[in-house]
Amino acid sequence: MITDQYLPSPMLASEVQPVKILLVDDKPENLVSLESLLFKEEEGVTYLCAESGEEALKIALQEELALILLDVQMPGMNGYEVARYLRNISKTRDIPIIFVTAIDEQDTHVMEGFEAGAVDFLFKPLHPYITKAKVSAFVKFFLQRKALEKANHLTLKMNQELEARVKERTKELIKVNRDLDNFVYTASHDLKAPINNIEALMIALEETLQQPEFDKDEVANLLNMVNHSVSRFKATLLDLTEIAKVQYEAETGKGKVSFKEIFNDVKLHIKDLIESSNAKITVDFSQAPDITFSRKNLRSILYNLLSNSIKYRSPERSPEIEVKTKTIDGFTLLTVRDNGLGLRQQDHEKVFGMFQRLHRHVEGTGVGLAIVKNIVENCDGKIEFESEVGKGSVFKVYLK
């Protein structure tokens, strides 16, 4: 009785691929007899038959075989010659071959068979138990080898993906370190100016107050200047805190956000700036009215882009700003176009740098666009900038 331990696992066979065994014999009745002795197709094994050595070679080159049961005595090309040909071809040299022969079990025949490339012999008349056991062992070996190849392939793929992630993370760390160095330098540089200014004003105020009859108007003027410098100092600190949050904090919670709602909030916040500059703002959110995004971050983006468009207006005309959204290639594209001062081509690269102020006549610390860029890139988006002196600028923000 054949026990289950000698049968190939149908599930394992189907998970990897069909198991194909080639039966080679010049007598069709022997092929039928051998196939009926072995496992059926529903047990996960398919049998291919060849009635000559030439046909066997052709099938072996076309199919992936788990095993070849090869008759030794055939007219034309005998089993030993077929085995030698198979061993000389890279695609077939590793297919295990079991010789099936009616020749007496003599050392000379066995040695010749192993030299030709056989891994085992079956002697006629075939014993059902021994035949099934040997074939089952090679089928299991084939399935184990294919499973190992699959595991090795998956391991290689995982290693490649891990290496890619390590490289990407290394690039991110290098960028973070570079940004941190730039942050520390610019922070110390921009904080030094208001501190020195406050110090100088306090000395002047002290000298004025030490005079027997000091000018109250002069003292009031100095106090106003001190207050202004303190306000600048506090604004710089606030901007430094904001840029640090954007660079090093995790992304804030996302939710469905309406562009119109955020725009109206920003518009109300800069109402005085809009009215004093007589700015005209047109919006079109019809193609992409909302987005799943951080409300705080979207407000920061719109606030900085809109306020900059008004601040850097041309003295020759009233500001005209166009804001619109649409979907493109998996992104929501937010476009802000103005008719302001514009920038020279050589200054385009400086726009998103921290504390870069390319128009010195406008109040500000120069971190607004750096904040926008970091917010966008931290959310796997991108920002593009176009500008021409005297005509205006266009910001295109691609939000994921």
Protein backbone atom coordinates (compact mmCIF):
# COMPACT_ATOMS: atom_id res chain seq x y z
CA MET A 1 0.00 0.00 0.00
CA ILE A 2 1.33 3.43 -0.96
CA THR A 3 1.17 5.90 1.94
CA ASP A 4 0.69 9.69 1.64
CA GLN A 5 4.33 10.38 2.54
CA TYR A 6 5.33 9.31 -0.99
CA LEU A 7 2.86 11.55 -2.79
CA PRO A 8 3.71 15.11 -3.87
CA SER A 9 1.75 17.89 -2.21
CA PRO A 10 -0.86 19.14 -4.74
CA MET A 11 -1.15 22.47 -2.92
CA LEU A 12 2.59 23.04 -2.95
CA ALA A 13 2.77 22.12 -6.62
CA SER A 14 0.02 24.51 -7.61
CA GLU A 15 1.46 27.35 -5.52
CA VAL A 16 4.81 27.18 -7.33
CA GLN A 17 3.99 25.94 -10.84
CA PRO A 18 2.83 22.75 -12.62
CA VAL A 19 5.19 19.81 -12.22
CA LYS A 20 6.09 18.28 -15.58
CA ILE A 21 7.76 14.88 -15.99
CA LEU A 22 9.02 13.63 -19.36
CA LEU A 23 8.60 9.93 -20.17
CA VAL A 24 10.80 8.66 -23.02
CA ASP A 25 10.38 5.23 -24.67
CA ASP A 26 10.24 4.14 -28.29
CA LYS A 27 7.30 1.84 -27.57
CA PRO A 28 3.97 3.64 -27.03
CA GLU A 29 2.56 0.78 -24.94
CA ASN A 30 5.45 1.20 -22.48
CA LEU A 31 4.64 4.91 -22.14
CA VAL A 32 0.98 4.15 -21.44
CA SER A 33 1.93 1.51 -18.90
CA LEU A 34 4.42 3.81 -17.12
CA GLU A 35 2.03 6.75 -16.99
CA SER A 36 -0.78 4.59 -15.59
CA LEU A 37 1.59 3.35 -12.90
CA LEU A 38 2.44 6.88 -11.71
CA PHE A 39 0.35 9.73 -10.30
CA LYS A 40 -2.56 11.28 -12.15
CA GLU A 41 -2.69 14.93 -13.30
CA GLU A 42 -5.12 15.88 -10.54
CA GLU A 43 -2.36 15.08 -8.05
CA GLY A 44 -0.33 17.99 -9.39
CA VAL A 45 1.86 16.24 -11.97
CA THR A 46 1.63 16.44 -15.77
CA TYR A 47 3.31 13.81 -17.96
CA LEU A 48 4.83 14.57 -21.36
CA CYS A 49 5.72 11.68 -23.65
CA ALA A 50 8.41 11.25 -26.30
CA GLU A 51 8.93 8.16 -28.53
CA SER A 52 12.50 9.00 -29.62
CA GLY A 53 15.66 10.64 -28.37
CA GLU A 54 15.29 13.52 -30.83
CA GLU A 55 11.73 14.24 -29.67
CA ALA A 56 12.87 14.09 -26.05
CA LEU A 57 15.56 16.71 -26.68
CA LYS A 58 13.04 19.01 -28.36
CA ILE A 59 10.58 18.79 -25.45
CA ALA A 60 13.36 19.28 -22.86
CA LEU A 61 14.42 22.51 -24.54
CA GLN A 62 10.84 23.85 -24.61
CA GLU A 63 9.56 22.86 -21.17
CA GLU A 64 10.70 23.20 -17.57
CA LEU A 65 10.94 19.60 -16.38
CA ALA A 66 11.10 18.24 -12.86
CA LEU A 67 12.32 14.79 -13.98
CA ILE A 68 13.03 12.63 -17.06
CA LEU A 69 12.31 8.88 -17.07
CA LEU A 70 14.47 7.75 -19.99
CA ASP A 71 14.52 4.34 -21.68
CA VAL A 72 18.05 3.15 -22.40
CA GLN A 73 17.53 0.91 -25.42
CA MET A 74 16.01 2.93 -28.26
CA PRO A 75 16.70 2.82 -31.99
CA GLY A 76 18.64 5.73 -33.40
CA MET A 77 19.73 7.82 -30.41
CA ASN A 78 19.79 5.64 -27.29
CA GLY A 79 19.19 6.82 -23.74
CA TYR A 80 22.87 7.34 -22.90
CA GLU A 81 23.36 9.61 -25.95
CA VAL A 82 20.27 11.63 -25.07
CA ALA A 83 21.56 12.09 -21.51
CA ARG A 84 24.96 13.28 -22.75
CA TYR A 85 23.33 15.85 -25.04
CA LEU A 86 21.18 17.11 -22.18
CA ARG A 87 24.22 17.49 -19.93
CA ASN A 88 25.98 19.64 -22.54
CA ILE A 89 23.12 22.17 -22.77
CA SER A 90 22.94 24.81 -20.00
CA LYS A 91 19.11 24.85 -19.94
CA THR A 92 18.80 21.09 -19.43
CA ARG A 93 21.96 20.00 -17.64
CA ASP A 94 20.36 20.15 -14.17
CA ILE A 95 17.25 18.07 -15.00
CA PRO A 96 17.49 14.79 -13.04
CA ILE A 97 17.41 11.68 -15.25
CA ILE A 98 16.29 8.20 -14.15
CA PHE A 99 17.16 5.48 -16.66
CA VAL A 100 14.46 2.88 -17.22
CA THR A 101 15.97 -0.33 -18.62
CA ALA A 102 15.37 -4.04 -19.07
CA ILE A 103 19.12 -4.66 -19.15
CA ASP A 104 20.45 -6.76 -16.30
CA GLU A 105 21.62 -4.81 -13.31
CA GLN A 106 25.32 -5.03 -14.12
CA ASP A 107 28.07 -2.69 -12.93
CA THR A 108 29.16 -1.83 -16.48
CA HIS A 109 25.69 -0.62 -17.52
CA VAL A 110 25.18 1.24 -14.27
CA MET A 111 28.57 2.97 -14.50
CA GLU A 112 27.92 3.98 -18.12
CA GLY A 113 24.55 5.38 -17.12
CA PHE A 114 25.94 7.48 -14.25
CA GLU A 115 28.77 8.74 -16.47
CA ALA A 116 26.16 9.82 -19.02
CA GLY A 117 24.40 11.87 -16.34
CA ALA A 118 21.84 9.61 -14.67
CA VAL A 119 20.92 10.14 -11.02
CA ASP A 120 19.20 6.75 -10.61
CA PHE A 121 18.02 3.55 -12.34
CA LEU A 122 14.70 1.71 -12.57
CA PHE A 123 14.90 -1.89 -13.77
CA LYS A 124 12.11 -3.62 -15.64
CA PRO A 125 9.76 -5.09 -14.69
CA LEU A 126 9.02 -1.95 -12.68
CA HIS A 127 8.06 -2.32 -9.05
CA PRO A 128 5.08 0.04 -8.41
CA TYR A 129 6.09 0.93 -4.86
CA ILE A 130 9.75 1.65 -5.71
CA THR A 131 8.86 3.55 -8.91
CA LYS A 132 6.34 5.79 -7.18
CA ALA A 133 8.64 6.40 -4.22
CA LYS A 134 11.57 7.46 -6.42
CA VAL A 135 9.47 9.73 -8.65
CA SER A 136 7.80 11.26 -5.58
CA ALA A 137 11.20 12.04 -4.06
CA PHE A 138 12.34 13.93 -7.18
CA VAL A 139 9.02 15.79 -7.45
CA LYS A 140 9.39 16.95 -3.85
CA PHE A 141 12.98 17.94 -4.53
CA PHE A 142 11.84 19.98 -7.58
CA LEU A 143 9.13 21.76 -5.58
CA GLN A 144 11.53 22.53 -2.75
CA ARG A 145 14.06 23.92 -5.23
CA LYS A 146 11.43 26.14 -6.89
CA ALA A 147 10.21 27.34 -3.49
CA LEU A 148 13.80 28.17 -2.54
CA GLU A 149 14.31 30.03 -5.83
CA LYS A 150 11.13 32.00 -5.15
CA ALA A 151 12.28 32.79 -1.60
CA ASN A 152 15.70 33.87 -2.90
CA HIS A 153 14.01 36.09 -5.50
CA LEU A 154 11.79 37.68 -2.87
CA THR A 155 14.77 38.15 -0.56
CA LEU A 156 16.75 39.82 -3.34
CA LYS A 157 13.82 42.07 -4.15
CA MET A 158 13.36 42.98 -0.47
CA ASN A 159 17.07 43.73 -0.14
CA GLN A 160 16.95 45.96 -3.21
CA GLU A 161 13.92 47.79 -1.84
CA LEU A 162 15.62 48.13 1.55
CA GLU A 163 18.77 49.50 -0.07
CA ALA A 164 16.66 51.98 -2.03
CA ARG A 165 14.90 53.10 1.16
CA VAL A 166 18.23 53.41 2.99
CA LYS A 167 19.62 55.54 0.15
CA GLU A 168 16.51 57.70 0.15
CA ARG A 169 16.58 58.09 3.93
CA THR A 170 20.30 58.93 3.77
CA LYS A 171 19.54 61.64 1.21
CA GLU A 172 16.80 62.95 3.49
CA LEU A 173 19.16 63.00 6.49
CA ILE A 174 21.81 64.82 4.47
CA LYS A 175 19.18 67.36 3.42
CA VAL A 176 17.93 67.73 7.02
CA ASN A 177 21.49 68.26 8.27
CA ARG A 178 22.13 70.80 5.53
CA ASP A 179 18.87 72.58 6.33
CA LEU A 180 19.74 72.50 10.02
CA ASP A 181 23.15 74.05 9.38
CA ASN A 182 21.51 76.72 7.23
CA PHE A 183 18.81 77.24 9.83
CA VAL A 184 21.33 77.76 12.66
CA TYR A 185 23.42 80.14 10.57
CA THR A 186 20.55 82.24 9.29
CA ALA A 187 18.85 82.27 12.69
CA SER A 188 21.94 83.60 14.42
CA HIS A 189 22.51 86.10 11.61
CA ASP A 190 18.95 87.46 11.57
CA LEU A 191 18.60 87.59 15.35
CA LYS A 192 21.86 89.46 15.72
CA ALA A 193 20.65 92.54 13.79
CA PRO A 194 17.57 93.40 15.93
CA ILE A 195 19.49 92.65 19.15
CA ASN A 196 22.30 95.01 18.13
CA ASN A 197 19.75 97.61 17.13
CA ILE A 198 17.92 97.36 20.47
CA GLU A 199 21.22 97.56 22.32
CA ALA A 200 22.22 100.72 20.43
CA LEU A 201 18.81 102.32 21.03
CA MET A 202 18.95 101.55 24.77
CA ILE A 203 22.38 103.19 25.00
CA ALA A 204 21.05 106.26 23.16
CA LEU A 205 17.98 106.33 25.42
CA GLU A 206 20.15 106.06 28.56
CA GLU A 207 22.38 108.93 27.39
CA THR A 208 19.33 111.08 26.60
CA LEU A 209 17.75 110.44 30.01
CA GLN A 210 21.01 111.39 31.77
CA GLN A 211 20.79 114.93 30.36
CA PRO A 212 19.51 117.53 32.90
CA GLU A 213 16.76 118.63 30.58
CA PHE A 214 16.06 115.86 28.07
CA ASP A 215 13.77 116.23 25.11
CA LYS A 216 10.59 114.25 25.77
CA ASP A 217 9.85 114.00 22.07
CA GLU A 218 13.29 112.52 21.48
CA VAL A 219 12.74 109.97 24.28
CA ALA A 220 9.34 109.08 22.85
CA ASN A 221 10.91 108.63 19.42
CA LEU A 222 13.63 106.37 20.84
CA LEU A 223 11.04 104.31 22.73
CA ASN A 224 9.03 103.88 19.53
CA MET A 225 12.14 102.71 17.76
CA VAL A 226 12.88 100.23 20.59
CA ASN A 227 9.34 98.91 20.44
CA HIS A 228 9.62 98.51 16.68
CA SER A 229 12.89 96.61 17.04
CA VAL A 230 11.39 94.38 19.73
CA SER A 231 8.44 93.66 17.44
CA ARG A 232 10.84 92.74 14.62
CA PHE A 233 12.74 90.52 17.03
CA LYS A 234 9.54 88.76 18.13
CA ALA A 235 8.43 88.34 14.50
CA THR A 236 11.77 86.77 13.62
CA LEU A 237 11.50 84.40 16.57
CA LEU A 238 7.96 83.47 15.51
CA ASP A 239 9.11 82.76 11.95
CA LEU A 240 12.03 80.69 13.23
CA THR A 241 9.63 78.65 15.34
CA GLU A 242 7.30 78.15 12.38
CA ILE A 243 10.03 77.02 9.98
CA ALA A 244 11.40 74.64 12.63
CA LYS A 245 7.96 73.09 13.09
CA VAL A 246 7.54 72.58 9.36
CA GLN A 247 10.96 70.95 8.98
CA TYR A 248 11.02 68.66 11.98
CA GLU A 249 7.46 67.98 13.11
CA ALA A 250 5.30 65.18 11.76
CA GLU A 251 2.55 66.09 9.34
CA THR A 252 -0.55 67.35 11.11
CA GLY A 253 -3.86 65.54 10.82
CA LYS A 254 -5.56 65.53 7.44
CA GLY A 255 -9.18 66.06 6.57
CA LYS A 256 -11.40 67.26 3.75
CA VAL A 257 -10.70 70.99 3.31
CA SER A 258 -12.54 73.53 1.15
CA PHE A 259 -10.32 75.89 -0.83
CA LYS A 260 -13.03 78.54 -0.79
CA GLU A 261 -13.35 78.33 2.99
CA ILE A 262 -9.60 78.65 3.54
CA PHE A 263 -9.36 81.48 1.00
CA ASN A 264 -12.13 83.45 2.71
CA ASP A 265 -10.38 83.02 6.06
CA VAL A 266 -7.05 84.26 4.65
CA LYS A 267 -8.79 87.12 2.80
CA LEU A 268 -10.39 88.29 6.05
CA HIS A 269 -7.03 88.11 7.83
CA ILE A 270 -5.28 90.33 5.24
CA LYS A 271 -8.28 92.59 4.68
CA ASP A 272 -6.38 95.78 5.55
CA LEU A 273 -3.53 94.85 3.17
CA ILE A 274 -6.01 94.17 0.34
CA GLU A 275 -7.88 97.45 0.88
CA SER A 276 -4.79 99.62 1.29
CA SER A 277 -3.28 98.26 -1.93
CA ASN A 278 -6.60 98.23 -3.84
CA ALA A 279 -5.85 94.62 -4.76
CA LYS A 280 -8.23 92.67 -6.98
CA ILE A 281 -8.33 88.90 -6.39
CA THR A 282 -10.21 86.50 -8.66
CA VAL A 283 -10.69 82.83 -7.76
CA ASP A 284 -11.83 79.70 -9.55
CA PHE A 285 -12.07 76.55 -7.43
CA SER A 286 -14.72 74.89 -9.62
CA GLN A 287 -12.43 72.17 -11.04
CA ALA A 288 -11.04 71.14 -7.64
CA PRO A 289 -13.18 72.64 -4.84
CA ASP A 290 -11.64 70.67 -1.97
CA ILE A 291 -8.75 68.42 -0.99
CA THR A 292 -7.81 65.97 1.75
CA PHE A 293 -5.05 67.93 3.44
CA SER A 294 -3.97 69.60 6.66
CA ARG A 295 -6.19 72.66 7.20
CA LYS A 296 -3.42 74.53 9.03
CA ASN A 297 -0.86 73.81 6.30
CA LEU A 298 -3.19 74.74 3.44
CA ARG A 299 -3.98 78.04 5.18
CA SER A 300 -0.27 78.72 5.59
CA ILE A 301 0.31 78.08 1.87
CA LEU A 302 -2.49 80.38 0.73
CA TYR A 303 -1.66 83.06 3.30
CA ASN A 304 2.00 83.31 2.29
CA LEU A 305 1.36 83.22 -1.47
CA LEU A 306 -1.46 85.80 -1.35
CA SER A 307 0.23 88.20 1.06
CA ASN A 308 3.49 88.04 -0.94
CA SER A 309 1.62 88.77 -4.18
CA ILE A 310 0.30 91.97 -2.60
CA LYS A 311 3.46 92.97 -0.72
CA TYR A 312 5.62 92.69 -3.82
CA ARG A 313 3.23 94.64 -6.05
CA SER A 314 4.37 97.03 -8.74
CA PRO A 315 4.11 100.75 -7.87
CA GLU A 316 2.87 101.34 -11.42
CA ARG A 317 -0.40 99.39 -11.12
CA SER A 318 -2.87 97.94 -8.67
CA PRO A 319 -2.30 94.29 -7.77
CA GLU A 320 -4.30 91.75 -9.77
CA ILE A 321 -4.12 88.20 -8.41
CA GLU A 322 -5.63 85.07 -9.91
CA VAL A 323 -6.12 81.94 -7.78
CA LYS A 324 -7.39 78.68 -9.24
CA THR A 325 -7.28 74.91 -8.71
CA LYS A 326 -7.58 71.81 -10.86
CA THR A 327 -6.62 68.13 -10.76
CA ILE A 328 -3.70 66.84 -12.84
CA ASP A 329 -1.82 63.51 -12.82
CA GLY A 330 -2.87 62.53 -9.31
CA PHE A 331 -2.20 66.01 -7.85
CA THR A 332 -4.36 68.99 -6.99
CA LEU A 333 -2.72 71.97 -8.69
CA LEU A 334 -3.07 75.32 -6.90
CA THR A 335 -1.98 78.25 -9.11
CA VAL A 336 -1.43 81.79 -7.81
CA ARG A 337 -0.63 84.38 -10.52
CA ASP A 338 0.10 88.08 -9.95
CA ASN A 339 1.12 91.19 -11.92
CA GLY A 340 3.71 92.34 -9.38
CA LEU A 341 7.37 93.33 -9.54
CA GLY A 342 8.64 89.96 -10.76
CA LEU A 343 12.21 88.71 -10.40
CA ARG A 344 15.31 88.43 -12.53
CA GLN A 345 16.15 84.98 -13.88
CA GLN A 346 19.30 84.78 -11.75
CA ASP A 347 17.24 85.28 -8.58
CA HIS A 348 14.75 82.47 -9.21
CA GLU A 349 16.81 79.89 -7.29
CA LYS A 350 16.87 82.13 -4.20
CA VAL A 351 13.09 82.48 -3.88
CA PHE A 352 12.59 79.51 -1.55
CA GLY A 353 15.71 80.02 0.58
CA MET A 354 15.30 80.83 4.27
CA PHE A 355 15.58 84.53 5.12
CA GLN A 356 15.98 85.45 1.44
CA ARG A 357 14.61 88.95 0.87
CA LEU A 358 15.02 89.92 -2.78
CA HIS A 359 13.09 93.21 -2.46
CA ARG A 360 14.52 95.03 0.55
CA HIS A 361 11.93 97.81 0.53
CA VAL A 362 9.25 95.38 1.75
CA GLU A 363 8.91 94.51 5.44
CA GLY A 364 9.41 90.83 6.26
CA THR A 365 11.85 88.18 7.42
CA GLY A 366 12.02 86.12 4.24
CA VAL A 367 10.81 82.76 5.53
CA GLY A 368 7.28 82.64 4.09
CA LEU A 369 8.14 80.86 0.84
CA ALA A 370 10.60 78.57 2.63
CA ILE A 371 7.71 77.50 4.87
CA VAL A 372 5.48 76.91 1.82
CA LYS A 373 8.13 74.84 0.05
CA ASN A 374 8.81 72.67 3.09
CA ILE A 375 5.09 72.06 3.72
CA VAL A 376 4.55 71.01 0.11
CA GLU A 377 7.61 68.75 -0.12
CA ASN A 378 6.95 67.14 3.27
CA CYS A 379 3.57 66.07 1.87
CA ASP A 380 5.14 64.52 -1.28
CA GLY A 381 4.16 67.49 -3.41
CA LYS A 382 6.17 69.98 -5.43
CA ILE A 383 6.18 73.71 -6.16
CA GLU A 384 7.17 75.50 -9.36
CA PHE A 385 7.93 79.19 -9.86
CA GLU A 386 7.89 81.40 -12.93
CA SER A 387 8.61 85.13 -12.97
CA GLU A 388 9.52 88.01 -15.24
CA VAL A 389 10.69 91.44 -14.14
CA GLY A 390 7.95 94.03 -14.54
CA LYS A 391 5.25 91.49 -15.44
CA GLY A 392 4.72 89.38 -12.32
CA SER A 393 5.08 85.88 -10.94
CA VAL A 394 3.28 82.51 -11.03
CA PHE A 395 3.42 79.87 -8.28
CA LYS A 396 2.22 76.37 -9.15
CA VAL A 397 1.72 74.17 -6.07
CA TYR A 398 1.15 70.44 -6.69
CA LEU A 399 -0.53 68.92 -3.63
CA LYS A 400 -0.76 65.14 -3.20
